[in-house]
Amino acid sequence: MDNLQEKIYQLLVSAIDKNYKCFTTKITNSPTPLLGVKVPFLKKIAQQVLKTESIDSIMKMESGVYIEYEFIKGFCIAKATIETDKKFSYLEEFSKTIDNWAVCDSVASALKVKKSDRELLWTFIERLIKSHYPFSVRLGIVLLLQNFADNDNFIRVIGQLKNINCEKHYYIDMAVAWLVSVLLIFCYEQTVAFLSVETCFLDKFTRNKALSKAIESYRIDAQKKIYLKKLKI
C-alpha cells in the first residue's frame, strides 16, 4: 500500500459504519472488499486529496484493495480541474478497473460537463459503449441517460445502444433498461414506437425490465402505464 492509500486508509477507518457495511456489501455484489464508509464522506476525502495530489499520483492507487478507494479515485477524476479531454481519458482508463455498479453510477453522477463540451462528452460515451469492459459500457449508458435522454437526441441515443458489442452482462442489460425507462418518461411517444415495432433489437429481459421500471415510476401517468403493461412480452 503506497503512502497516499495509507493516508486515505487512516481517514476511512475512523468513519466505518458496520451496519452500512453489511447492507451495502449485499447489494453491491463486488469481489473487492468493502470497509463500510458512506459516500458523502468519500466525496469529502476526494476533495481533500485533490488539494495536495496530482491526478497521475491518484491514478497510481492500487485497484482491488477496498471499494472505497475506487470511489475516491473516481470522484477525484470527475472533479479534477483539468482539460475535459484529459479528464475523459483518465475516466476511460479508470472505468476498465470498475467491478460494481455502485462505483460506476456514483462516478457518472459526479461528472459535470459544460454545455460547450457536450459533443466531447458524446464522443467519450461512444468510446465507452464500444468497450469490451462491462462497467465501461455501463458508465457510457448511465452518462447517456443523465445527459442525452431527450427528444432531440432520441434517435442517436438508440443508435448508441446498437453499438454495444460487449459480452452479455447483467449490469449492462439493467443499465439499458434504466435508460429506456427514462426515455419513456421524457420521450414517451418515440420510445413506445421504438418498443412496438417487430424490429426492436432489445431482448425480452431488457425490454420488460425497462417497461417495469417505467410502470413503477411516479413520473408517468396512470393511463400511459396501462398501455405500457400491454407492451410486455
C-alpha atoms as a PDB file:
ATOM      1  CA  MET A   1       0.000   0.000   0.000  1.00  0.00           C
ATOM      2  CA  ASP A   2       1.548   3.353  -1.053  1.00  0.00           C
ATOM      3  CA  ASN A   3       1.700   6.471   1.122  1.00  0.00           C
ATOM      4  CA  LEU A   4      -1.411   8.050  -0.416  1.00  0.00           C
ATOM      5  CA  GLN A   5      -3.504   4.938   0.151  1.00  0.00           C
ATOM      6  CA  GLU A   6      -2.176   4.651   3.687  1.00  0.00           C
ATOM      7  CA  LYS A   7      -3.210   8.250   4.420  1.00  0.00           C
ATOM      8  CA  ILE A   8      -6.642   7.614   2.953  1.00  0.00           C
ATOM      9  CA  TYR A   9      -6.973   4.376   4.915  1.00  0.00           C
ATOM     10  CA  GLN A  10      -6.429   6.226   8.202  1.00  0.00           C
ATOM     11  CA  LEU A  11      -9.269   8.582   7.296  1.00  0.00           C
ATOM     12  CA  LEU A  12     -11.541   5.725   6.257  1.00  0.00           C
ATOM     13  CA  VAL A  13     -11.165   3.586   9.391  1.00  0.00           C
ATOM     14  CA  SER A  14     -12.400   6.481  11.521  1.00  0.00           C
ATOM     15  CA  ALA A  15     -15.691   6.520   9.603  1.00  0.00           C
ATOM     16  CA  ILE A  16     -16.578   2.824   9.263  1.00  0.00           C
ATOM     17  CA  ASP A  17     -20.239   2.037   9.844  1.00  0.00           C
ATOM     18  CA  LYS A  18     -20.742  -1.713  10.385  1.00  0.00           C
ATOM     19  CA  ASN A  19     -24.471  -1.636   9.676  1.00  0.00           C
ATOM     20  CA  TYR A  20     -23.870   0.280   6.444  1.00  0.00           C
ATOM     21  CA  LYS A  21     -21.148  -2.214   5.506  1.00  0.00           C
ATOM     22  CA  CYS A  22     -23.492  -5.166   5.992  1.00  0.00           C
ATOM     23  CA  PHE A  23     -26.259  -3.612   3.900  1.00  0.00           C
ATOM     24  CA  THR A  24     -24.014  -2.272   1.125  1.00  0.00           C
ATOM     25  CA  THR A  25     -21.997  -5.468   0.749  1.00  0.00           C
ATOM     26  CA  LYS A  26     -25.205  -7.361  -0.056  1.00  0.00           C
ATOM     27  CA  ILE A  27     -26.383  -5.010  -2.769  1.00  0.00           C
ATOM     28  CA  THR A  28     -23.051  -4.056  -4.363  1.00  0.00           C
ATOM     29  CA  ASN A  29     -22.088  -7.571  -5.448  1.00  0.00           C
ATOM     30  CA  SER A  30     -18.389  -6.793  -5.845  1.00  0.00           C
ATOM     31  CA  PRO A  31     -15.336  -9.051  -5.462  1.00  0.00           C
ATOM     32  CA  THR A  32     -13.483  -6.084  -3.927  1.00  0.00           C
ATOM     33  CA  PRO A  33     -13.683  -5.800  -0.110  1.00  0.00           C
ATOM     34  CA  LEU A  34     -15.766  -3.027   1.431  1.00  0.00           C
ATOM     35  CA  LEU A  35     -14.843  -1.168   4.614  1.00  0.00           C
ATOM     36  CA  GLY A  36     -18.277   0.392   5.109  1.00  0.00           C
ATOM     37  CA  VAL A  37     -17.811   4.159   4.699  1.00  0.00           C
ATOM     38  CA  LYS A  38     -20.694   6.236   3.376  1.00  0.00           C
ATOM     39  CA  VAL A  39     -20.404   8.018   0.045  1.00  0.00           C
ATOM     40  CA  PRO A  40     -20.707  11.644   1.297  1.00  0.00           C
ATOM     41  CA  PHE A  41     -17.591  11.116   3.441  1.00  0.00           C
ATOM     42  CA  LEU A  42     -15.775   9.571   0.459  1.00  0.00           C
ATOM     43  CA  LYS A  43     -16.554  12.703  -1.554  1.00  0.00           C
ATOM     44  CA  LYS A  44     -15.062  14.851   1.213  1.00  0.00           C
ATOM     45  CA  ILE A  45     -11.890  12.758   1.208  1.00  0.00           C
ATOM     46  CA  ALA A  46     -11.681  13.134  -2.579  1.00  0.00           C
ATOM     47  CA  GLN A  47     -11.877  16.914  -2.195  1.00  0.00           C
ATOM     48  CA  GLN A  48      -9.034  16.820   0.321  1.00  0.00           C
ATOM     49  CA  VAL A  49      -6.897  14.574  -1.880  1.00  0.00           C
ATOM     50  CA  LEU A  50      -7.327  16.862  -4.889  1.00  0.00           C
ATOM     51  CA  LYS A  51      -5.830  19.753  -2.918  1.00  0.00           C
ATOM     52  CA  THR A  52      -2.481  18.013  -2.477  1.00  0.00           C
ATOM     53  CA  GLU A  53      -2.184  15.251  -5.085  1.00  0.00           C
ATOM     54  CA  SER A  54      -1.898  15.200  -8.868  1.00  0.00           C
ATOM     55  CA  ILE A  55      -4.247  13.073 -10.950  1.00  0.00           C
ATOM     56  CA  ASP A  56      -1.269  11.000 -12.056  1.00  0.00           C
ATOM     57  CA  SER A  57      -0.471  10.070  -8.449  1.00  0.00           C
ATOM     58  CA  ILE A  58      -4.139   9.338  -7.748  1.00  0.00           C
ATOM     59  CA  MET A  59      -4.296   7.044 -10.783  1.00  0.00           C
ATOM     60  CA  LYS A  60      -1.404   5.021  -9.355  1.00  0.00           C
ATOM     61  CA  MET A  61      -3.531   3.925  -6.386  1.00  0.00           C
ATOM     62  CA  GLU A  62      -3.800   0.141  -6.412  1.00  0.00           C
ATOM     63  CA  SER A  63      -7.123  -1.290  -7.565  1.00  0.00           C
ATOM     64  CA  GLY A  64      -8.946  -4.167  -5.890  1.00  0.00           C
ATOM     65  CA  VAL A  65      -7.948  -3.261  -2.313  1.00  0.00           C
ATOM     66  CA  TYR A  66     -11.123  -1.621  -0.980  1.00  0.00           C
ATOM     67  CA  ILE A  67     -14.161  -0.342  -2.854  1.00  0.00           C
ATOM     68  CA  GLU A  68     -13.792   2.967  -1.016  1.00  0.00           C
ATOM     69  CA  TYR A  69     -10.506   3.623  -2.827  1.00  0.00           C
ATOM     70  CA  GLU A  70     -12.307   3.172  -6.151  1.00  0.00           C
ATOM     71  CA  PHE A  71     -14.987   5.679  -5.168  1.00  0.00           C
ATOM     72  CA  ILE A  72     -12.348   8.218  -4.138  1.00  0.00           C
ATOM     73  CA  LYS A  73     -10.271   7.708  -7.272  1.00  0.00           C
ATOM     74  CA  GLY A  74     -13.344   8.105  -9.482  1.00  0.00           C
ATOM     75  CA  PHE A  75     -14.572  11.198  -7.628  1.00  0.00           C
ATOM     76  CA  CYS A  76     -11.112  12.767  -7.897  1.00  0.00           C
ATOM     77  CA  ILE A  77     -11.041  12.287 -11.663  1.00  0.00           C
ATOM     78  CA  ALA A  78     -14.621  13.537 -12.093  1.00  0.00           C
ATOM     79  CA  LYS A  79     -13.965  16.693 -10.061  1.00  0.00           C
ATOM     80  CA  ALA A  80     -10.380  17.439 -11.100  1.00  0.00           C
ATOM     81  CA  THR A  81      -9.711  20.846 -12.660  1.00  0.00           C
ATOM     82  CA  ILE A  82      -8.081  19.606 -15.847  1.00  0.00           C
ATOM     83  CA  GLU A  83      -8.822  19.783 -19.571  1.00  0.00           C
ATOM     84  CA  THR A  84     -12.000  17.911 -20.460  1.00  0.00           C
ATOM     85  CA  ASP A  85     -10.399  15.584 -22.995  1.00  0.00           C
ATOM     86  CA  LYS A  86      -7.725  14.617 -20.459  1.00  0.00           C
ATOM     87  CA  LYS A  87     -10.394  14.006 -17.834  1.00  0.00           C
ATOM     88  CA  PHE A  88     -12.245  11.683 -20.189  1.00  0.00           C
ATOM     89  CA  SER A  89      -9.017   9.848 -20.965  1.00  0.00           C
ATOM     90  CA  TYR A  90      -8.388   9.263 -17.253  1.00  0.00           C
ATOM     91  CA  LEU A  91     -12.010   8.201 -16.714  1.00  0.00           C
ATOM     92  CA  GLU A  92     -11.837   5.745 -19.594  1.00  0.00           C
ATOM     93  CA  GLU A  93      -8.723   4.157 -18.119  1.00  0.00           C
ATOM     94  CA  PHE A  94     -10.298   4.095 -14.659  1.00  0.00           C
ATOM     95  CA  SER A  95     -13.533   2.553 -15.970  1.00  0.00           C
ATOM     96  CA  LYS A  96     -11.644  -0.587 -17.001  1.00  0.00           C
ATOM     97  CA  THR A  97     -10.960  -1.319 -13.315  1.00  0.00           C
ATOM     98  CA  ILE A  98     -14.545  -0.827 -12.068  1.00  0.00           C
ATOM     99  CA  ASP A  99     -16.152  -4.058 -10.887  1.00  0.00           C
ATOM    100  CA  ASN A 100     -19.511  -2.909  -9.481  1.00  0.00           C
ATOM    101  CA  TRP A 101     -22.494  -0.745 -10.344  1.00  0.00           C
ATOM    102  CA  ALA A 102     -22.232   1.486  -7.256  1.00  0.00           C
ATOM    103  CA  VAL A 103     -18.851   2.982  -8.146  1.00  0.00           C
ATOM    104  CA  CYS A 104     -19.838   3.205 -11.807  1.00  0.00           C
ATOM    105  CA  ASP A 105     -23.086   5.086 -11.240  1.00  0.00           C
ATOM    106  CA  SER A 106     -21.742   7.334  -8.468  1.00  0.00           C
ATOM    107  CA  VAL A 107     -18.810   8.482 -10.586  1.00  0.00           C
ATOM    108  CA  ALA A 108     -21.143   9.122 -13.537  1.00  0.00           C
ATOM    109  CA  SER A 109     -23.314  11.301 -11.278  1.00  0.00           C
ATOM    110  CA  ALA A 110     -20.262  13.197 -10.016  1.00  0.00           C
ATOM    111  CA  LEU A 111     -19.162  14.141 -13.537  1.00  0.00           C
ATOM    112  CA  LYS A 112     -20.442  17.566 -14.613  1.00  0.00           C
ATOM    113  CA  VAL A 113     -19.749  18.810 -18.119  1.00  0.00           C
ATOM    114  CA  LYS A 114     -20.112  22.316 -19.532  1.00  0.00           C
ATOM    115  CA  LYS A 115     -22.574  22.805 -22.391  1.00  0.00           C
ATOM    116  CA  SER A 116     -19.668  23.684 -24.653  1.00  0.00           C
ATOM    117  CA  ASP A 117     -18.165  20.248 -24.002  1.00  0.00           C
ATOM    118  CA  ARG A 118     -21.285  18.172 -24.677  1.00  0.00           C
ATOM    119  CA  GLU A 119     -20.033  16.880 -28.007  1.00  0.00           C
ATOM    120  CA  LEU A 120     -16.747  15.899 -26.381  1.00  0.00           C
ATOM    121  CA  LEU A 121     -18.862  14.017 -23.854  1.00  0.00           C
ATOM    122  CA  TRP A 122     -20.768  12.321 -26.675  1.00  0.00           C
ATOM    123  CA  THR A 123     -17.528  11.170 -28.296  1.00  0.00           C
ATOM    124  CA  PHE A 124     -16.346   9.876 -24.923  1.00  0.00           C
ATOM    125  CA  ILE A 125     -19.599   7.940 -24.474  1.00  0.00           C
ATOM    126  CA  GLU A 126     -19.186   6.418 -27.945  1.00  0.00           C
ATOM    127  CA  ARG A 127     -15.810   5.013 -26.927  1.00  0.00           C
ATOM    128  CA  LEU A 128     -17.190   3.621 -23.665  1.00  0.00           C
ATOM    129  CA  ILE A 129     -20.174   1.977 -25.363  1.00  0.00           C
ATOM    130  CA  LYS A 130     -17.866   0.117 -27.756  1.00  0.00           C
ATOM    131  CA  SER A 131     -15.612  -1.139 -24.944  1.00  0.00           C
ATOM    132  CA  HIS A 132     -15.200  -4.811 -24.051  1.00  0.00           C
ATOM    133  CA  TYR A 133     -15.130  -3.885 -20.344  1.00  0.00           C
ATOM    134  CA  PRO A 134     -18.686  -4.258 -18.977  1.00  0.00           C
ATOM    135  CA  PHE A 135     -18.554  -1.396 -16.497  1.00  0.00           C
ATOM    136  CA  SER A 136     -17.002   0.908 -19.091  1.00  0.00           C
ATOM    137  CA  VAL A 137     -20.098   0.172 -21.184  1.00  0.00           C
ATOM    138  CA  ARG A 138     -22.383   0.735 -18.210  1.00  0.00           C
ATOM    139  CA  LEU A 139     -20.666   4.042 -17.469  1.00  0.00           C
ATOM    140  CA  GLY A 140     -21.370   5.143 -21.038  1.00  0.00           C
ATOM    141  CA  ILE A 141     -25.027   4.141 -20.775  1.00  0.00           C
ATOM    142  CA  VAL A 142     -25.514   5.940 -17.458  1.00  0.00           C
ATOM    143  CA  LEU A 143     -23.886   9.068 -18.888  1.00  0.00           C
ATOM    144  CA  LEU A 144     -26.293   8.822 -21.840  1.00  0.00           C
ATOM    145  CA  LEU A 145     -29.349   8.736 -19.604  1.00  0.00           C
ATOM    146  CA  GLN A 146     -28.040  11.576 -17.455  1.00  0.00           C
ATOM    147  CA  ASN A 147     -27.140  13.888 -20.314  1.00  0.00           C
ATOM    148  CA  PHE A 148     -28.921  12.954 -23.550  1.00  0.00           C
ATOM    149  CA  ALA A 149     -32.278  11.316 -22.688  1.00  0.00           C
ATOM    150  CA  ASP A 150     -34.458  13.810 -24.545  1.00  0.00           C
ATOM    151  CA  ASN A 151     -36.450  14.096 -27.763  1.00  0.00           C
ATOM    152  CA  ASP A 152     -33.698  15.931 -29.634  1.00  0.00           C
ATOM    153  CA  ASN A 153     -31.190  13.149 -29.006  1.00  0.00           C
ATOM    154  CA  PHE A 154     -33.536  10.154 -29.033  1.00  0.00           C
ATOM    155  CA  ILE A 155     -32.504   8.684 -32.394  1.00  0.00           C
ATOM    156  CA  ARG A 156     -28.783   8.842 -31.738  1.00  0.00           C
ATOM    157  CA  VAL A 157     -29.188   7.530 -28.174  1.00  0.00           C
ATOM    158  CA  ILE A 158     -30.992   4.460 -29.501  1.00  0.00           C
ATOM    159  CA  GLY A 159     -28.301   4.194 -32.158  1.00  0.00           C
ATOM    160  CA  GLN A 160     -25.650   4.027 -29.444  1.00  0.00           C
ATOM    161  CA  LEU A 161     -27.346   1.009 -27.908  1.00  0.00           C
ATOM    162  CA  LYS A 162     -26.812  -0.837 -31.192  1.00  0.00           C
ATOM    163  CA  ASN A 163     -23.061  -0.287 -30.760  1.00  0.00           C
ATOM    164  CA  ILE A 164     -22.806  -2.405 -27.602  1.00  0.00           C
ATOM    165  CA  ASN A 165     -20.596  -5.371 -28.518  1.00  0.00           C
ATOM    166  CA  CYS A 166     -19.534  -6.443 -25.037  1.00  0.00           C
ATOM    167  CA  GLU A 167     -20.469  -9.966 -23.990  1.00  0.00           C
ATOM    168  CA  LYS A 168     -23.954 -10.153 -22.491  1.00  0.00           C
ATOM    169  CA  HIS A 169     -23.765  -8.852 -18.938  1.00  0.00           C
ATOM    170  CA  TYR A 170     -26.475  -8.366 -16.306  1.00  0.00           C
ATOM    171  CA  TYR A 171     -25.349  -4.880 -15.286  1.00  0.00           C
ATOM    172  CA  ILE A 172     -25.231  -3.711 -18.888  1.00  0.00           C
ATOM    173  CA  ASP A 173     -28.749  -5.046 -19.515  1.00  0.00           C
ATOM    174  CA  MET A 174     -30.021  -3.334 -16.362  1.00  0.00           C
ATOM    175  CA  ALA A 175     -28.418  -0.043 -17.395  1.00  0.00           C
ATOM    176  CA  VAL A 176     -30.056  -0.260 -20.831  1.00  0.00           C
ATOM    177  CA  ALA A 177     -33.406  -0.988 -19.155  1.00  0.00           C
ATOM    178  CA  TRP A 178     -32.903   2.009 -16.889  1.00  0.00           C
ATOM    179  CA  LEU A 179     -32.061   4.237 -19.870  1.00  0.00           C
ATOM    180  CA  VAL A 180     -35.118   3.100 -21.855  1.00  0.00           C
ATOM    181  CA  SER A 181     -37.350   3.664 -18.810  1.00  0.00           C
ATOM    182  CA  VAL A 182     -36.014   7.229 -18.591  1.00  0.00           C
ATOM    183  CA  LEU A 183     -36.677   7.705 -22.308  1.00  0.00           C
ATOM    184  CA  LEU A 184     -40.263   6.575 -21.659  1.00  0.00           C
ATOM    185  CA  ILE A 185     -40.554   9.434 -19.176  1.00  0.00           C
ATOM    186  CA  PHE A 186     -39.068  12.175 -21.356  1.00  0.00           C
ATOM    187  CA  CYS A 187     -39.726  10.858 -24.893  1.00  0.00           C
ATOM    188  CA  TYR A 188     -42.821   8.731 -24.381  1.00  0.00           C
ATOM    189  CA  GLU A 189     -44.208   8.597 -27.920  1.00  0.00           C
ATOM    190  CA  GLN A 190     -40.867   7.958 -29.622  1.00  0.00           C
ATOM    191  CA  THR A 191     -39.907   5.274 -27.127  1.00  0.00           C
ATOM    192  CA  VAL A 192     -43.262   3.490 -27.351  1.00  0.00           C
ATOM    193  CA  ALA A 193     -42.932   3.481 -31.141  1.00  0.00           C
ATOM    194  CA  PHE A 194     -39.420   2.010 -30.809  1.00  0.00           C
ATOM    195  CA  LEU A 195     -40.628  -0.728 -28.446  1.00  0.00           C
ATOM    196  CA  SER A 196     -43.698  -1.540 -30.540  1.00  0.00           C
ATOM    197  CA  VAL A 197     -42.026  -2.437 -33.833  1.00  0.00           C
ATOM    198  CA  GLU A 198     -41.026  -6.005 -34.624  1.00  0.00           C
ATOM    199  CA  THR A 199     -37.506  -4.806 -35.408  1.00  0.00           C
ATOM    200  CA  CYS A 200     -36.898  -3.628 -31.817  1.00  0.00           C
ATOM    201  CA  PHE A 201     -33.477  -5.088 -31.024  1.00  0.00           C
ATOM    202  CA  LEU A 202     -33.838  -5.270 -27.234  1.00  0.00           C
ATOM    203  CA  ASP A 203     -34.041  -8.781 -25.825  1.00  0.00           C
ATOM    204  CA  LYS A 204     -37.086  -9.839 -23.834  1.00  0.00           C
ATOM    205  CA  PHE A 205     -35.439  -9.426 -20.413  1.00  0.00           C
ATOM    206  CA  THR A 206     -34.165  -5.890 -21.056  1.00  0.00           C
ATOM    207  CA  ARG A 207     -37.363  -4.763 -22.783  1.00  0.00           C
ATOM    208  CA  ASN A 208     -39.616  -5.992 -19.982  1.00  0.00           C
ATOM    209  CA  LYS A 209     -37.314  -4.569 -17.296  1.00  0.00           C
ATOM    210  CA  ALA A 210     -37.493  -1.174 -18.977  1.00  0.00           C
ATOM    211  CA  LEU A 211     -41.280  -1.330 -19.079  1.00  0.00           C
ATOM    212  CA  SER A 212     -41.458  -2.442 -15.431  1.00  0.00           C
ATOM    213  CA  LYS A 213     -39.245   0.433 -14.316  1.00  0.00           C
ATOM    214  CA  ALA A 214     -41.373   2.910 -16.242  1.00  0.00           C
ATOM    215  CA  ILE A 215     -44.609   1.451 -14.845  1.00  0.00           C
ATOM    216  CA  GLU A 216     -43.206   1.844 -11.317  1.00  0.00           C
ATOM    217  CA  SER A 217     -42.238   5.478 -11.939  1.00  0.00           C
ATOM    218  CA  TYR A 218     -44.346   8.225 -10.401  1.00  0.00           C
ATOM    219  CA  ARG A 219     -43.423  10.451 -13.360  1.00  0.00           C
ATOM    220  CA  ILE A 220     -45.617   8.519 -15.826  1.00  0.00           C
ATOM    221  CA  ASP A 221     -49.388   8.921 -15.578  1.00  0.00           C
ATOM    222  CA  ALA A 222     -51.748   6.024 -14.914  1.00  0.00           C
ATOM    223  CA  GLN A 223     -53.252   5.939 -18.415  1.00  0.00           C
ATOM    224  CA  LYS A 224     -49.847   5.556 -20.025  1.00  0.00           C
ATOM    225  CA  LYS A 225     -48.923   2.818 -17.562  1.00  0.00           C
ATOM    226  CA  ILE A 226     -51.950   0.798 -18.638  1.00  0.00           C
ATOM    227  CA  TYR A 227     -50.698   0.856 -22.219  1.00  0.00           C
ATOM    228  CA  LEU A 228     -47.120   0.053 -21.203  1.00  0.00           C
ATOM    229  CA  LYS A 229     -48.316  -3.098 -19.430  1.00  0.00           C
ATOM    230  CA  LYS A 230     -49.753  -4.292 -22.747  1.00  0.00           C
ATOM    231  CA  LEU A 231     -46.323  -3.951 -24.384  1.00  0.00           C
ATOM    232  CA  LYS A 232     -44.751  -6.581 -22.133  1.00  0.00           C
ATOM    233  CA  ILE A 233     -43.924  -9.873 -23.797  1.00  0.00           C
END
